[in-house]
């Protein structure tokens, strides 16, 4: 099960990698944008796959889908709580 604790354990760099993933960037684009090696990007993804229990198949798609759905849910919650202030990134928390 995906718990909020798992999301809160993400490090700042993992959050940056996720933001770029959700923008549609591939590993080389993420590496270039963050000024890190492509193998470092892969290491971040592997840690995220382990953290969220993602195995086999198209792991990047599974991770992106999970995180995108979470982002939409959080934005919906923000809008319901305060319709005038629903414009911040959900990974800032």
PDB file of N, CA and C in Angstrom:
ATOM      1  N   UNK A   1       0.845  -1.192   0.000  1.00  0.00           N
ATOM      2  CA  UNK A   1       0.000   0.000   0.000  1.00  0.00           C
ATOM      3  C   UNK A   1       0.882   1.243   0.000  1.00  0.00           C
ATOM      4  N   UNK A   2       0.441   2.268  -0.691  1.00  0.00           N
ATOM      5  CA  UNK A   2       1.183   3.514  -0.761  1.00  0.00           C
ATOM      6  C   UNK A   2       0.733   4.420   0.372  1.00  0.00           C
ATOM      7  N   UNK A   3       1.655   4.731   1.267  1.00  0.00           N
ATOM      8  CA  UNK A   3       1.324   5.581   2.394  1.00  0.00           C
ATOM      9  C   UNK A   3       1.929   6.952   2.214  1.00  0.00           C
ATOM     10  N   UNK A   4       1.355   7.922   2.862  1.00  0.00           N
ATOM     11  CA  UNK A   4       1.873   9.280   2.800  1.00  0.00           C
ATOM     12  C   UNK A   4       3.279   9.344   3.380  1.00  0.00           C
ATOM     13  N   UNK A   5       3.587   8.445   4.308  1.00  0.00           N
ATOM     14  CA  UNK A   5       4.927   8.388   4.892  1.00  0.00           C
ATOM     15  C   UNK A   5       5.988   8.134   3.819  1.00  0.00           C
ATOM     16  N   UNK A   6       5.673   7.260   2.876  1.00  0.00           N
ATOM     17  CA  UNK A   6       6.621   6.977   1.799  1.00  0.00           C
ATOM     18  C   UNK A   6       6.878   8.216   0.952  1.00  0.00           C
ATOM     19  N   UNK A   7       5.849   9.004   0.731  1.00  0.00           N
ATOM     20  CA  UNK A   7       6.016  10.232  -0.031  1.00  0.00           C
ATOM     21  C   UNK A   7       6.817  11.264   0.757  1.00  0.00           C
ATOM     22  N   UNK A   8       6.566  11.340   2.040  1.00  0.00           N
ATOM     23  CA  UNK A   8       7.263  12.331   2.862  1.00  0.00           C
ATOM     24  C   UNK A   8       8.737  11.994   3.048  1.00  0.00           C
ATOM     25  N   UNK A   9       9.127  10.744   2.804  1.00  0.00           N
ATOM     26  CA  UNK A   9      10.523  10.324   2.945  1.00  0.00           C
ATOM     27  C   UNK A   9      11.372  10.677   1.724  1.00  0.00           C
ATOM     28  N   UNK A  10      10.746  11.181   0.679  1.00  0.00           N
ATOM     29  CA  UNK A  10      11.507  11.514  -0.524  1.00  0.00           C
ATOM     30  C   UNK A  10      12.459  12.672  -0.251  1.00  0.00           C
ATOM     31  N   UNK A  11      13.653  12.529  -0.772  1.00  0.00           N
ATOM     32  CA  UNK A  11      14.657  13.574  -0.623  1.00  0.00           C
ATOM     33  C   UNK A  11      14.409  14.660  -1.668  1.00  0.00           C
ATOM     34  N   UNK A  12      14.948  15.862  -1.430  1.00  0.00           N
ATOM     35  CA  UNK A  12      14.733  16.957  -2.393  1.00  0.00           C
ATOM     36  C   UNK A  12      15.123  16.598  -3.827  1.00  0.00           C
ATOM     37  N   UNK A  13      16.235  15.902  -4.010  1.00  0.00           N
ATOM     38  CA  UNK A  13      16.661  15.544  -5.364  1.00  0.00           C
ATOM     39  C   UNK A  13      15.681  14.561  -5.995  1.00  0.00           C
ATOM     40  N   UNK A  14      15.142  13.629  -5.199  1.00  0.00           N
ATOM     41  CA  UNK A  14      14.144  12.698  -5.721  1.00  0.00           C
ATOM     42  C   UNK A  14      12.902  13.460  -6.171  1.00  0.00           C
ATOM     43  N   UNK A  15      12.543  14.473  -5.428  1.00  0.00           N
ATOM     44  CA  UNK A  15      11.391  15.301  -5.808  1.00  0.00           C
ATOM     45  C   UNK A  15      11.651  16.021  -7.126  1.00  0.00           C
ATOM     46  N   UNK A  16      12.885  16.488  -7.316  1.00  0.00           N
ATOM     47  CA  UNK A  16      13.232  17.148  -8.574  1.00  0.00           C
ATOM     48  C   UNK A  16      13.154  16.162  -9.734  1.00  0.00           C
ATOM     49  N   UNK A  17      13.663  14.953  -9.522  1.00  0.00           N
ATOM     50  CA  UNK A  17      13.607  13.917 -10.549  1.00  0.00           C
ATOM     51  C   UNK A  17      12.151  13.623 -10.899  1.00  0.00           C
ATOM     52  N   UNK A  18      11.303  13.523  -9.893  1.00  0.00           N
ATOM     53  CA  UNK A  18       9.888  13.238 -10.098  1.00  0.00           C
ATOM     54  C   UNK A  18       9.210  14.359 -10.880  1.00  0.00           C
ATOM     55  N   UNK A  19       9.488  15.596 -10.519  1.00  0.00           N
ATOM     56  CA  UNK A  19       8.886  16.724 -11.230  1.00  0.00           C
ATOM     57  C   UNK A  19       9.234  16.662 -12.709  1.00  0.00           C
ATOM     58  N   UNK A  20      10.492  16.352 -13.022  1.00  0.00           N
ATOM     59  CA  UNK A  20      10.909  16.265 -14.418  1.00  0.00           C
ATOM     60  C   UNK A  20      10.296  15.049 -15.111  1.00  0.00           C
ATOM     61  N   UNK A  21      10.169  13.935 -14.392  1.00  0.00           N
ATOM     62  CA  UNK A  21       9.489  12.763 -14.935  1.00  0.00           C
ATOM     63  C   UNK A  21       8.065  13.123 -15.330  1.00  0.00           C
ATOM     64  N   UNK A  22       7.366  13.828 -14.447  1.00  0.00           N
ATOM     65  CA  UNK A  22       5.976  14.198 -14.710  1.00  0.00           C
ATOM     66  C   UNK A  22       5.848  15.217 -15.839  1.00  0.00           C
ATOM     67  N   UNK A  23       6.954  15.888 -16.169  1.00  0.00           N
ATOM     68  CA  UNK A  23       6.953  16.803 -17.314  1.00  0.00           C
ATOM     69  C   UNK A  23       7.271  16.063 -18.608  1.00  0.00           C
ATOM     70  N   UNK A  24       7.565  14.766 -18.500  1.00  0.00           N
ATOM     71  CA  UNK A  24       7.811  13.951 -19.673  1.00  0.00           C
ATOM     72  C   UNK A  24       9.272  13.809 -20.059  1.00  0.00           C
ATOM     73  N   UNK A  25      10.179  14.214 -19.183  1.00  0.00           N
ATOM     74  CA  UNK A  25      11.615  14.125 -19.487  1.00  0.00           C
ATOM     75  C   UNK A  25      12.110  12.689 -19.378  1.00  0.00           C
ATOM     76  N   UNK A  26      13.064  12.328 -20.252  1.00  0.00           N
ATOM     77  CA  UNK A  26      13.707  11.031 -20.136  1.00  0.00           C
ATOM     78  C   UNK A  26      14.953  11.165 -19.253  1.00  0.00           C
ATOM     79  N   UNK A  27      15.647  10.048 -19.008  1.00  0.00           N
ATOM     80  CA  UNK A  27      16.793  10.063 -18.095  1.00  0.00           C
ATOM     81  C   UNK A  27      17.864  11.062 -18.511  1.00  0.00           C
ATOM     82  N   UNK A  28      18.171  11.109 -19.808  1.00  0.00           N
ATOM     83  CA  UNK A  28      19.228  12.022 -20.252  1.00  0.00           C
ATOM     84  C   UNK A  28      18.823  13.478 -20.060  1.00  0.00           C
ATOM     85  N   UNK A  29      17.564  13.793 -20.285  1.00  0.00           N
ATOM     86  CA  UNK A  29      17.078  15.167 -20.072  1.00  0.00           C
ATOM     87  C   UNK A  29      17.098  15.528 -18.588  1.00  0.00           C
ATOM     88  N   UNK A  30      16.698  14.581 -17.750  1.00  0.00           N
ATOM     89  CA  UNK A  30      16.719  14.818 -16.305  1.00  0.00           C
ATOM     90  C   UNK A  30      18.150  15.052 -15.848  1.00  0.00           C
ATOM     91  N   UNK A  31      19.082  14.201 -16.307  1.00  0.00           N
ATOM     92  CA  UNK A  31      20.489  14.328 -15.931  1.00  0.00           C
ATOM     93  C   UNK A  31      21.035  15.692 -16.345  1.00  0.00           C
ATOM     94  N   UNK A  32      20.741  16.099 -17.556  1.00  0.00           N
ATOM     95  CA  UNK A  32      21.229  17.384 -18.066  1.00  0.00           C
ATOM     96  C   UNK A  32      20.641  18.547 -17.256  1.00  0.00           C
ATOM     97  N   UNK A  33      19.334  18.500 -17.020  1.00  0.00           N
ATOM     98  CA  UNK A  33      18.668  19.589 -16.299  1.00  0.00           C
ATOM     99  C   UNK A  33      19.177  19.719 -14.868  1.00  0.00           C
ATOM    100  N   UNK A  34      19.456  18.588 -14.207  1.00  0.00           N
ATOM    101  CA  UNK A  34      19.893  18.606 -12.810  1.00  0.00           C
ATOM    102  C   UNK A  34      21.416  18.599 -12.676  1.00  0.00           C
ATOM    103  N   UNK A  35      22.102  18.541 -13.824  1.00  0.00           N
ATOM    104  CA  UNK A  35      23.567  18.540 -13.846  1.00  0.00           C
ATOM    105  C   UNK A  35      24.139  17.371 -13.032  1.00  0.00           C
ATOM    106  N   UNK A  36      23.595  16.186 -13.298  1.00  0.00           N
ATOM    107  CA  UNK A  36      24.068  14.963 -12.653  1.00  0.00           C
ATOM    108  C   UNK A  36      24.252  13.901 -13.730  1.00  0.00           C
ATOM    109  N   UNK A  37      24.944  12.825 -13.382  1.00  0.00           N
ATOM    110  CA  UNK A  37      25.158  11.725 -14.329  1.00  0.00           C
ATOM    111  C   UNK A  37      23.854  10.963 -14.561  1.00  0.00           C
ATOM    112  N   UNK A  38      23.725  10.413 -15.746  1.00  0.00           N
ATOM    113  CA  UNK A  38      22.537   9.628 -16.069  1.00  0.00           C
ATOM    114  C   UNK A  38      22.409   8.422 -15.148  1.00  0.00           C
ATOM    115  N   UNK A  39      23.523   7.835 -14.748  1.00  0.00           N
ATOM    116  CA  UNK A  39      23.456   6.690 -13.831  1.00  0.00           C
ATOM    117  C   UNK A  39      22.928   7.114 -12.458  1.00  0.00           C
ATOM    118  N   UNK A  40      23.155   8.367 -12.080  1.00  0.00           N
ATOM    119  CA  UNK A  40      22.611   8.885 -10.823  1.00  0.00           C
ATOM    120  C   UNK A  40      21.095   9.004 -10.922  1.00  0.00           C
ATOM    121  N   UNK A  41      20.607   9.431 -12.070  1.00  0.00           N
ATOM    122  CA  UNK A  41      19.152   9.491 -12.300  1.00  0.00           C
ATOM    123  C   UNK A  41      18.570   8.088 -12.156  1.00  0.00           C
ATOM    124  N   UNK A  42      19.227   7.107 -12.773  1.00  0.00           N
ATOM    125  CA  UNK A  42      18.754   5.723 -12.684  1.00  0.00           C
ATOM    126  C   UNK A  42      18.751   5.237 -11.238  1.00  0.00           C
ATOM    127  N   UNK A  43      19.762   5.627 -10.471  1.00  0.00           N
ATOM    128  CA  UNK A  43      19.827   5.233  -9.060  1.00  0.00           C
ATOM    129  C   UNK A  43      18.654   5.832  -8.279  1.00  0.00           C
ATOM    130  N   UNK A  44      18.318   7.094  -8.566  1.00  0.00           N
ATOM    131  CA  UNK A  44      17.164   7.716  -7.910  1.00  0.00           C
ATOM    132  C   UNK A  44      15.889   6.952  -8.251  1.00  0.00           C
ATOM    133  N   UNK A  45      15.723   6.608  -9.527  1.00  0.00           N
ATOM    134  CA  UNK A  45      14.534   5.855  -9.927  1.00  0.00           C
ATOM    135  C   UNK A  45      14.491   4.494  -9.251  1.00  0.00           C
ATOM    136  N   UNK A  46      15.616   3.806  -9.183  1.00  0.00           N
ATOM    137  CA  UNK A  46      15.631   2.493  -8.541  1.00  0.00           C
ATOM    138  C   UNK A  46      15.235   2.576  -7.077  1.00  0.00           C
ATOM    139  N   UNK A  47      15.693   3.614  -6.378  1.00  0.00           N
ATOM    140  CA  UNK A  47      15.282   3.798  -4.973  1.00  0.00           C
ATOM    141  C   UNK A  47      13.789   4.065  -4.877  1.00  0.00           C
ATOM    142  N   UNK A  48      13.264   4.866  -5.799  1.00  0.00           N
ATOM    143  CA  UNK A  48      11.829   5.155  -5.797  1.00  0.00           C
ATOM    144  C   UNK A  48      11.018   3.901  -6.110  1.00  0.00           C
ATOM    145  N   UNK A  49      11.475   3.092  -7.059  1.00  0.00           N
ATOM    146  CA  UNK A  49      10.775   1.843  -7.375  1.00  0.00           C
ATOM    147  C   UNK A  49      10.713   0.942  -6.148  1.00  0.00           C
ATOM    148  N   UNK A  50      11.836   0.832  -5.442  1.00  0.00           N
ATOM    149  CA  UNK A  50      11.870   0.009  -4.226  1.00  0.00           C
ATOM    150  C   UNK A  50      10.944   0.570  -3.155  1.00  0.00           C
ATOM    151  N   UNK A  51      11.015   1.874  -2.949  1.00  0.00           N
ATOM    152  CA  UNK A  51      10.205   2.519  -1.903  1.00  0.00           C
ATOM    153  C   UNK A  51       8.714   2.277  -2.130  1.00  0.00           C
ATOM    154  N   UNK A  52       8.276   2.350  -3.389  1.00  0.00           N
ATOM    155  CA  UNK A  52       6.857   2.219  -3.676  1.00  0.00           C
ATOM    156  C   UNK A  52       6.447   0.813  -4.117  1.00  0.00           C
ATOM    157  N   UNK A  53       7.392  -0.131  -4.032  1.00  0.00           N
ATOM    158  CA  UNK A  53       7.074  -1.523  -4.337  1.00  0.00           C
ATOM    159  C   UNK A  53       6.739  -1.776  -5.790  1.00  0.00           C
ATOM    160  N   UNK A  54       7.353  -1.021  -6.680  1.00  0.00           N
ATOM    161  CA  UNK A  54       7.077  -1.168  -8.107  1.00  0.00           C
ATOM    162  C   UNK A  54       8.057  -2.182  -8.679  1.00  0.00           C
ATOM    163  N   UNK A  55       7.499  -3.268  -9.216  1.00  0.00           N
ATOM    164  CA  UNK A  55       8.323  -4.358  -9.744  1.00  0.00           C
ATOM    165  C   UNK A  55       7.858  -4.698 -11.152  1.00  0.00           C
ATOM    166  N   UNK A  56       8.803  -5.017 -12.002  1.00  0.00           N
ATOM    167  CA  UNK A  56       8.490  -5.501 -13.336  1.00  0.00           C
ATOM    168  C   UNK A  56       7.710  -4.528 -14.187  1.00  0.00           C
ATOM    169  N   UNK A  57       7.537  -4.927 -15.415  1.00  0.00           N
ATOM    170  CA  UNK A  57       6.762  -4.125 -16.351  1.00  0.00           C
ATOM    171  C   UNK A  57       7.431  -2.797 -16.656  1.00  0.00           C
ATOM    172  N   UNK A  58       6.640  -1.843 -16.956  1.00  0.00           N
ATOM    173  CA  UNK A  58       7.138  -0.517 -17.313  1.00  0.00           C
ATOM    174  C   UNK A  58       7.139   0.327 -16.042  1.00  0.00           C
ATOM    175  N   UNK A  59       8.217   0.210 -15.285  1.00  0.00           N
ATOM    176  CA  UNK A  59       8.283   0.818 -13.950  1.00  0.00           C
ATOM    177  C   UNK A  59       8.124   2.330 -13.980  1.00  0.00           C
ATOM    178  N   UNK A  60       8.756   3.000 -14.953  1.00  0.00           N
ATOM    179  CA  UNK A  60       8.650   4.467 -15.029  1.00  0.00           C
ATOM    180  C   UNK A  60       7.202   4.900 -15.211  1.00  0.00           C
ATOM    181  N   UNK A  61       6.477   4.182 -16.037  1.00  0.00           N
ATOM    182  CA  UNK A  61       5.077   4.523 -16.279  1.00  0.00           C
ATOM    183  C   UNK A  61       4.260   4.298 -15.009  1.00  0.00           C
ATOM    184  N   UNK A  62       4.522   3.200 -14.325  1.00  0.00           N
ATOM    185  CA  UNK A  62       3.807   2.918 -13.076  1.00  0.00           C
ATOM    186  C   UNK A  62       4.080   4.006 -12.040  1.00  0.00           C
ATOM    187  N   UNK A  63       5.354   4.401 -11.903  1.00  0.00           N
ATOM    188  CA  UNK A  63       5.721   5.437 -10.944  1.00  0.00           C
ATOM    189  C   UNK A  63       5.082   6.769 -11.323  1.00  0.00           C
ATOM    190  N   UNK A  64       5.176   7.142 -12.588  1.00  0.00           N
ATOM    191  CA  UNK A  64       4.605   8.407 -13.046  1.00  0.00           C
ATOM    192  C   UNK A  64       3.095   8.434 -12.827  1.00  0.00           C
ATOM    193  N   UNK A  65       2.439   7.322 -13.114  1.00  0.00           N
ATOM    194  CA  UNK A  65       0.991   7.245 -12.929  1.00  0.00           C
ATOM    195  C   UNK A  65       0.619   7.396 -11.466  1.00  0.00           C
ATOM    196  N   UNK A  66       1.324   6.683 -10.613  1.00  0.00           N
ATOM    197  CA  UNK A  66       1.080   6.777  -9.174  1.00  0.00           C
ATOM    198  C   UNK A  66       1.239   8.212  -8.687  1.00  0.00           C
ATOM    199  N   UNK A  67       2.340   8.832  -9.047  1.00  0.00           N
ATOM    200  CA  UNK A  67       2.628  10.175  -8.561  1.00  0.00           C
ATOM    201  C   UNK A  67       1.706  11.214  -9.174  1.00  0.00           C
ATOM    202  N   UNK A  68       1.347  11.046 -10.435  1.00  0.00           N
ATOM    203  CA  UNK A  68       0.432  11.980 -11.080  1.00  0.00           C
ATOM    204  C   UNK A  68      -0.959  11.890 -10.453  1.00  0.00           C
ATOM    205  N   UNK A  69      -1.413  10.672 -10.194  1.00  0.00           N
ATOM    206  CA  UNK A  69      -2.725  10.506  -9.558  1.00  0.00           C
ATOM    207  C   UNK A  69      -2.721  11.114  -8.158  1.00  0.00           C
ATOM    208  N   UNK A  70      -1.615  10.953  -7.441  1.00  0.00           N
ATOM    209  CA  UNK A  70      -1.497  11.553  -6.112  1.00  0.00           C
ATOM    210  C   UNK A  70      -1.541  13.072  -6.214  1.00  0.00           C
ATOM    211  N   UNK A  71      -0.826  13.622  -7.194  1.00  0.00           N
ATOM    212  CA  UNK A  71      -0.803  15.066  -7.385  1.00  0.00           C
ATOM    213  C   UNK A  71      -2.209  15.602  -7.678  1.00  0.00           C
ATOM    214  N   UNK A  72      -2.936  14.915  -8.551  1.00  0.00           N
ATOM    215  CA  UNK A  72      -4.307  15.336  -8.851  1.00  0.00           C
ATOM    216  C   UNK A  72      -5.188  15.278  -7.616  1.00  0.00           C
ATOM    217  N   UNK A  73      -5.029  14.214  -6.823  1.00  0.00           N
ATOM    218  CA  UNK A  73      -5.828  14.069  -5.606  1.00  0.00           C
ATOM    219  C   UNK A  73      -5.534  15.201  -4.629  1.00  0.00           C
ATOM    220  N   UNK A  74      -4.245  15.523  -4.441  1.00  0.00           N
ATOM    221  CA  UNK A  74      -3.880  16.598  -3.530  1.00  0.00           C
ATOM    222  C   UNK A  74      -4.399  17.948  -4.005  1.00  0.00           C
ATOM    223  N   UNK A  75      -4.328  18.179  -5.308  1.00  0.00           N
ATOM    224  CA  UNK A  75      -4.846  19.436  -5.852  1.00  0.00           C
ATOM    225  C   UNK A  75      -6.349  19.535  -5.636  1.00  0.00           C
ATOM    226  N   UNK A  76      -7.043  18.416  -5.780  1.00  0.00           N
ATOM    227  CA  UNK A  76      -8.488  18.384  -5.542  1.00  0.00           C
ATOM    228  C   UNK A  76      -8.787  18.692  -4.075  1.00  0.00           C
ATOM    229  N   UNK A  77      -7.978  18.122  -3.176  1.00  0.00           N
ATOM    230  CA  UNK A  77      -8.158  18.379  -1.755  1.00  0.00           C
ATOM    231  C   UNK A  77      -7.917  19.851  -1.424  1.00  0.00           C
ATOM    232  N   UNK A  78      -6.875  20.431  -2.042  1.00  0.00           N
ATOM    233  CA  UNK A  78      -6.567  21.848  -1.832  1.00  0.00           C
ATOM    234  C   UNK A  78      -7.721  22.717  -2.304  1.00  0.00           C
ATOM    235  N   UNK A  79      -8.237  22.400  -3.481  1.00  0.00           N
ATOM    236  CA  UNK A  79      -9.328  23.185  -4.046  1.00  0.00           C
ATOM    237  C   UNK A  79     -10.562  23.112  -3.155  1.00  0.00           C
ATOM    238  N   UNK A  80     -10.838  21.933  -2.641  1.00  0.00           N
ATOM    239  CA  UNK A  80     -11.995  21.770  -1.766  1.00  0.00           C
ATOM    240  C   UNK A  80     -11.810  22.539  -0.462  1.00  0.00           C
ATOM    241  N   UNK A  81     -10.578  22.571   0.045  1.00  0.00           N
ATOM    242  CA  UNK A  81     -10.309  23.252   1.309  1.00  0.00           C
ATOM    243  C   UNK A  81     -10.232  24.766   1.134  1.00  0.00           C
ATOM    244  N   UNK A  82      -9.637  25.219   0.038  1.00  0.00           N
ATOM    245  CA  UNK A  82      -9.448  26.648  -0.189  1.00  0.00           C
ATOM    246  C   UNK A  82      -9.393  26.924  -1.688  1.00  0.00           C
ATOM    247  N   UNK A  83     -10.532  27.116  -2.322  1.00  0.00           N
ATOM    248  CA  UNK A  83     -10.578  27.292  -3.775  1.00  0.00           C
ATOM    249  C   UNK A  83      -9.708  28.451  -4.289  1.00  0.00           C
ATOM    250  N   UNK A  84      -9.434  29.440  -3.480  1.00  0.00           N
ATOM    251  CA  UNK A  84      -8.644  30.594  -3.920  1.00  0.00           C
ATOM    252  C   UNK A  84      -7.150  30.325  -3.915  1.00  0.00           C
ATOM    253  N   UNK A  85      -6.704  29.199  -3.279  1.00  0.00           N
ATOM    254  CA  UNK A  85      -5.264  28.944  -3.143  1.00  0.00           C
ATOM    255  C   UNK A  85      -4.902  27.527  -3.594  1.00  0.00           C
ATOM    256  N   UNK A  86      -5.212  27.197  -4.840  1.00  0.00           N
ATOM    257  CA  UNK A  86      -4.964  25.835  -5.334  1.00  0.00           C
ATOM    258  C   UNK A  86      -3.955  25.817  -6.467  1.00  0.00           C
ATOM    259  N   UNK A  87      -2.845  26.557  -6.310  1.00  0.00           N
ATOM    260  CA  UNK A  87      -1.897  26.648  -7.402  1.00  0.00           C
ATOM    261  C   UNK A  87      -0.486  26.210  -7.079  1.00  0.00           C
ATOM    262  N   UNK A  88      -0.237  25.612  -5.913  1.00  0.00           N
ATOM    263  CA  UNK A  88       1.129  25.220  -5.562  1.00  0.00           C
ATOM    264  C   UNK A  88       1.384  23.771  -5.956  1.00  0.00           C
ATOM    265  N   UNK A  89       2.662  23.433  -6.104  1.00  0.00           N
ATOM    266  CA  UNK A  89       3.064  22.073  -6.461  1.00  0.00           C
ATOM    267  C   UNK A  89       2.790  21.130  -5.301  1.00  0.00           C
ATOM    268  N   UNK A  90       2.302  19.953  -5.608  1.00  0.00           N
ATOM    269  CA  UNK A  90       1.978  19.004  -4.550  1.00  0.00           C
ATOM    270  C   UNK A  90       3.185  18.326  -3.961  1.00  0.00           C
ATOM    271  N   UNK A  91       4.386  18.488  -4.560  1.00  0.00           N
ATOM    272  CA  UNK A  91       5.585  17.855  -4.020  1.00  0.00           C
ATOM    273  C   UNK A  91       6.339  18.798  -3.114  1.00  0.00           C
ATOM    274  N   UNK A  92       5.789  19.976  -2.834  1.00  0.00           N
ATOM    275  CA  UNK A  92       6.454  20.933  -1.941  1.00  0.00           C
ATOM    276  C   UNK A  92       6.219  20.578  -0.494  1.00  0.00           C
ATOM    277  N   UNK A  93       5.215  19.781  -0.227  1.00  0.00           N
ATOM    278  CA  UNK A  93       4.873  19.461   1.174  1.00  0.00           C
ATOM    279  C   UNK A  93       5.930  18.634   1.840  1.00  0.00           C
TER     280      UNK A  93
END
